[in-house]
Every structure is written in structure tokens, then in C-alpha cells.
Amino acid sequence: MLEIITVMNFVISCMLLLGGLLMKGQTDRSSGIGFKTARAMESDKAFTLANRTCGRLWLLVGMVSFVLTAALTALMTRLSGKTEQCLQAVLLIIQIIAAVCSVVYTEIKLKKGE
């Protein structure tokens, strides 16, 4: 079970990093990649703002979670199996919450027109 959670943490970290890189530079609304909510698609300016905002957040969350997952994996020999499993599970939940919150934050920023 621990190995599955650890792999999931690495995969989610990499997906956030890749998604962040792809979104951060995205300016073309017609491409298949990007932050595409109704509010983000209203104009080129909104689309660019949404992709830059969410892209930066995903890059940050992806980098931090990758480093934390690697650190927990490196400490595996020093921690008990239950402790590491619990920490990896908490990290997994934090990654998911951070990804969802970045979308909510981006939508709020779009609504304010920043």
C-alpha cells in the first residue's frame, strides 16, 4: 500500500509540474491545452491571466510536493511503515486540495478582473 501511495504522489507531482509548464505559457484559446472554464474563455486577456495564474500555482505545488515525496521516500528507512504511510497519505490529500484550491483561486481572480 505504501508503494502505491508513494508512486501516486510522484505521479501527481509530475502531472502538476507538466500541467503548470504547459499552462504558464499558453495564450492560444483554440489549443487543446489550458485552463478552460467559461470565465477564462471570455477573452484572450482572461485566458492568458487564468493560464499564467494557475500554471504558476501548479508549478509551485508540483515542485514542493515532488521534493516532499522524495524526502519522505529517502527517510523511509528511518520512519516506521505506518508513520511514512500516514505522511504519504497526508501529502496526497494536500496535493489534491492544493490543485483544487488553485483552480478556485484562479476563478476568483478572473471574477475580480485582475
Protein backbone atom coordinates (compact mmCIF):
# COMPACT_ATOMS: atom_id res chain seq x y z
CA MET A 1 0.00 0.00 0.00
CA LEU A 2 2.82 2.40 0.88
CA GLU A 3 4.47 1.95 -2.51
CA ILE A 4 1.20 2.74 -4.29
CA ILE A 5 0.72 5.98 -2.36
CA THR A 6 4.35 6.98 -2.95
CA VAL A 7 4.05 6.34 -6.69
CA MET A 8 0.78 8.29 -6.76
CA ASN A 9 2.48 11.22 -5.04
CA PHE A 10 5.30 11.23 -7.59
CA VAL A 11 2.84 10.92 -10.50
CA ILE A 12 0.61 13.74 -9.23
CA SER A 13 3.68 15.93 -8.61
CA CYS A 14 4.89 15.34 -12.17
CA MET A 15 1.41 15.95 -13.60
CA LEU A 16 1.18 19.26 -11.73
CA LEU A 17 4.64 20.26 -12.97
CA LEU A 18 3.83 19.35 -16.56
CA GLY A 19 0.41 20.98 -16.41
CA GLY A 20 1.92 24.09 -14.89
CA LEU A 21 4.58 24.31 -17.60
CA LEU A 22 2.02 23.83 -20.35
CA MET A 23 -0.47 26.33 -18.89
CA LYS A 24 2.03 29.01 -17.90
CA GLY A 25 2.92 29.85 -21.48
CA GLN A 26 -0.48 29.15 -23.03
CA THR A 27 -2.02 32.10 -24.92
CA ASP A 28 -4.00 30.37 -27.68
CA ARG A 29 -7.60 29.65 -26.67
CA SER A 30 -8.09 27.30 -29.62
CA SER A 31 -5.38 24.87 -28.48
CA GLY A 32 -6.36 21.69 -26.67
CA ILE A 33 -4.36 22.61 -23.59
CA GLY A 34 -5.11 25.17 -20.94
CA PHE A 35 -7.36 26.44 -18.19
CA LYS A 36 -10.71 26.37 -19.97
CA THR A 37 -13.61 27.48 -17.85
CA ALA A 38 -16.41 29.69 -19.14
CA ARG A 39 -14.91 32.73 -17.41
CA ALA A 40 -11.40 32.03 -18.73
CA MET A 41 -12.69 31.65 -22.29
CA GLU A 42 -14.45 35.05 -22.33
CA SER A 43 -11.44 36.85 -23.81
CA ASP A 44 -7.80 36.38 -24.73
CA LYS A 45 -6.81 38.51 -21.74
CA ALA A 46 -8.83 36.36 -19.33
CA PHE A 47 -7.47 33.15 -20.87
CA THR A 48 -3.88 34.34 -20.57
CA LEU A 49 -4.40 35.51 -16.99
CA ALA A 50 -6.04 32.23 -15.99
CA ASN A 51 -3.30 30.10 -17.52
CA ARG A 52 -0.48 32.16 -16.05
CA THR A 53 -2.05 32.20 -12.60
CA CYS A 54 -2.99 28.53 -12.42
CA GLY A 55 0.18 27.47 -14.24
CA ARG A 56 2.40 29.20 -11.69
CA LEU A 57 0.45 27.71 -8.80
CA TRP A 58 0.63 24.20 -10.26
CA LEU A 59 4.38 24.59 -10.83
CA LEU A 60 4.86 25.65 -7.23
CA VAL A 61 2.67 22.89 -5.79
CA GLY A 62 4.27 20.31 -8.10
CA MET A 63 7.82 21.28 -7.12
CA VAL A 64 7.09 21.35 -3.39
CA SER A 65 5.19 18.06 -3.43
CA PHE A 66 7.88 16.35 -5.52
CA VAL A 67 10.58 17.43 -3.06
CA LEU A 68 8.47 16.36 -0.08
CA THR A 69 7.70 12.98 -1.64
CA ALA A 70 11.39 12.42 -2.41
CA ALA A 71 12.34 13.44 1.14
CA LEU A 72 9.77 11.09 2.68
CA THR A 73 10.96 8.28 0.43
CA ALA A 74 14.57 8.93 1.44
CA LEU A 75 13.59 8.87 5.11
CA MET A 76 11.73 5.58 4.65
CA THR A 77 14.43 3.61 6.45
CA ARG A 78 14.23 5.86 9.50
CA LEU A 79 10.44 6.01 9.79
CA SER A 80 8.11 3.19 10.71
CA GLY A 81 5.93 1.88 7.90
CA LYS A 82 2.76 3.25 9.48
CA THR A 83 4.30 6.70 10.02
CA GLU A 84 5.52 7.02 6.46
CA GLN A 85 2.26 5.65 5.07
CA CYS A 86 0.35 8.24 7.07
CA LEU A 87 2.65 11.08 5.94
CA GLN A 88 2.47 9.99 2.29
CA ALA A 89 -1.34 9.82 2.52
CA VAL A 90 -1.48 13.30 4.06
CA LEU A 91 0.77 14.61 1.28
CA LEU A 92 -1.51 13.03 -1.31
CA ILE A 93 -4.55 14.76 0.19
CA ILE A 94 -2.68 18.08 0.38
CA GLN A 95 -1.72 17.83 -3.30
CA ILE A 96 -5.32 17.27 -4.33
CA ILE A 97 -6.59 20.11 -2.14
CA ALA A 98 -3.88 22.45 -3.45
CA ALA A 99 -4.74 21.64 -7.08
CA VAL A 100 -8.45 22.27 -6.48
CA CYS A 101 -7.76 25.46 -4.50
CA SER A 102 -5.57 26.80 -7.32
CA VAL A 103 -8.49 26.43 -9.71
CA VAL A 104 -10.84 28.17 -7.26
CA TYR A 105 -8.28 30.96 -6.66
CA THR A 106 -7.87 31.45 -10.41
CA GLU A 107 -11.63 31.67 -10.92
CA ILE A 108 -11.91 34.23 -8.11
CA LYS A 109 -9.11 36.26 -9.68
CA LEU A 110 -10.87 36.13 -13.04
CA LYS A 111 -14.15 37.21 -11.47
CA LYS A 112 -12.45 40.24 -9.92
CA GLY A 113 -10.91 41.02 -13.30
CA GLU A 114 -7.36 41.24 -12.03
